[in-house]
Amino acid sequence: MDKFHVIAPYLFPIMLILLGALVINVALIAIVVSFIKNRFEGDYPEGGHKRG
């Protein structure tokens, strides 16, 4: 922790960028999953699969 004073002014911007990237990733994944579920819903046959 000898050099903490060097990085201390940059901690808030770094945390802000990380939090923003996390929010963008979660939102994008939610949008993609929602699109896939809505686009391909009903394309699969009803009923169970026969297993071995």
C-alpha atoms as a PDB file:
ATOM      1  CA  MET A   1       0.000   0.000   0.000  1.00  0.00           C
ATOM      2  CA  ASP A   2       3.008   2.264  -0.446  1.00  0.00           C
ATOM      3  CA  LYS A   3       1.647   3.684  -3.697  1.00  0.00           C
ATOM      4  CA  PHE A   4      -2.021   3.999  -2.701  1.00  0.00           C
ATOM      5  CA  HIS A   5      -1.810   7.791  -2.894  1.00  0.00           C
ATOM      6  CA  VAL A   6      -0.923   7.438  -6.585  1.00  0.00           C
ATOM      7  CA  ILE A   7      -4.050   5.478  -7.545  1.00  0.00           C
ATOM      8  CA  ALA A   8      -6.443   6.970  -4.983  1.00  0.00           C
ATOM      9  CA  PRO A   9      -7.676   9.791  -7.279  1.00  0.00           C
ATOM     10  CA  TYR A  10      -8.542   7.224  -9.969  1.00  0.00           C
ATOM     11  CA  LEU A  11     -10.493   4.758  -7.826  1.00  0.00           C
ATOM     12  CA  PHE A  12     -13.875   6.443  -8.273  1.00  0.00           C
ATOM     13  CA  PRO A  13     -13.656   6.668 -12.095  1.00  0.00           C
ATOM     14  CA  ILE A  14     -12.454   3.066 -12.274  1.00  0.00           C
ATOM     15  CA  MET A  15     -15.321   1.850 -10.083  1.00  0.00           C
ATOM     16  CA  LEU A  16     -17.783   3.934 -12.112  1.00  0.00           C
ATOM     17  CA  ILE A  17     -16.553   2.393 -15.374  1.00  0.00           C
ATOM     18  CA  LEU A  18     -16.719  -1.129 -13.914  1.00  0.00           C
ATOM     19  CA  LEU A  19     -20.240  -0.594 -12.595  1.00  0.00           C
ATOM     20  CA  GLY A  20     -21.373   0.891 -15.917  1.00  0.00           C
ATOM     21  CA  ALA A  21     -19.897  -2.027 -17.848  1.00  0.00           C
ATOM     22  CA  LEU A  22     -21.622  -4.482 -15.514  1.00  0.00           C
ATOM     23  CA  VAL A  23     -25.007  -2.789 -15.967  1.00  0.00           C
ATOM     24  CA  ILE A  24     -24.594  -2.657 -19.754  1.00  0.00           C
ATOM     25  CA  ASN A  25     -23.660  -6.358 -19.878  1.00  0.00           C
ATOM     26  CA  VAL A  26     -26.596  -7.457 -17.740  1.00  0.00           C
ATOM     27  CA  ALA A  27     -29.020  -5.336 -19.774  1.00  0.00           C
ATOM     28  CA  LEU A  28     -27.659  -6.628 -23.086  1.00  0.00           C
ATOM     29  CA  ILE A  29     -27.856 -10.248 -21.950  1.00  0.00           C
ATOM     30  CA  ALA A  30     -31.447  -9.686 -20.790  1.00  0.00           C
ATOM     31  CA  ILE A  31     -32.387  -8.163 -24.155  1.00  0.00           C
ATOM     32  CA  VAL A  32     -30.766 -11.005 -26.116  1.00  0.00           C
ATOM     33  CA  VAL A  33     -32.392 -13.713 -23.981  1.00  0.00           C
ATOM     34  CA  SER A  34     -35.776 -11.999 -24.262  1.00  0.00           C
ATOM     35  CA  PHE A  35     -35.401 -11.738 -28.047  1.00  0.00           C
ATOM     36  CA  ILE A  36     -34.422 -15.389 -28.384  1.00  0.00           C
ATOM     37  CA  LYS A  37     -37.282 -16.561 -26.172  1.00  0.00           C
ATOM     38  CA  ASN A  38     -39.841 -14.489 -28.099  1.00  0.00           C
ATOM     39  CA  ARG A  39     -38.421 -15.318 -31.536  1.00  0.00           C
ATOM     40  CA  PHE A  40     -38.179 -19.070 -31.116  1.00  0.00           C
ATOM     41  CA  GLU A  41     -41.081 -19.711 -28.747  1.00  0.00           C
ATOM     42  CA  GLY A  42     -43.327 -22.446 -30.062  1.00  0.00           C
ATOM     43  CA  ASP A  43     -40.829 -23.885 -32.533  1.00  0.00           C
ATOM     44  CA  TYR A  44     -40.326 -27.009 -30.445  1.00  0.00           C
ATOM     45  CA  PRO A  45     -42.744 -29.968 -30.325  1.00  0.00           C
ATOM     46  CA  GLU A  46     -44.863 -30.487 -27.227  1.00  0.00           C
ATOM     47  CA  GLY A  47     -44.352 -33.464 -24.964  1.00  0.00           C
ATOM     48  CA  GLY A  48     -41.431 -35.255 -23.417  1.00  0.00           C
ATOM     49  CA  HIS A  49     -38.529 -36.880 -25.119  1.00  0.00           C
ATOM     50  CA  LYS A  50     -38.022 -40.640 -25.163  1.00  0.00           C
ATOM     51  CA  ARG A  51     -34.905 -41.591 -23.286  1.00  0.00           C
ATOM     52  CA  GLY A  52     -32.969 -44.727 -23.843  1.00  0.00           C
END
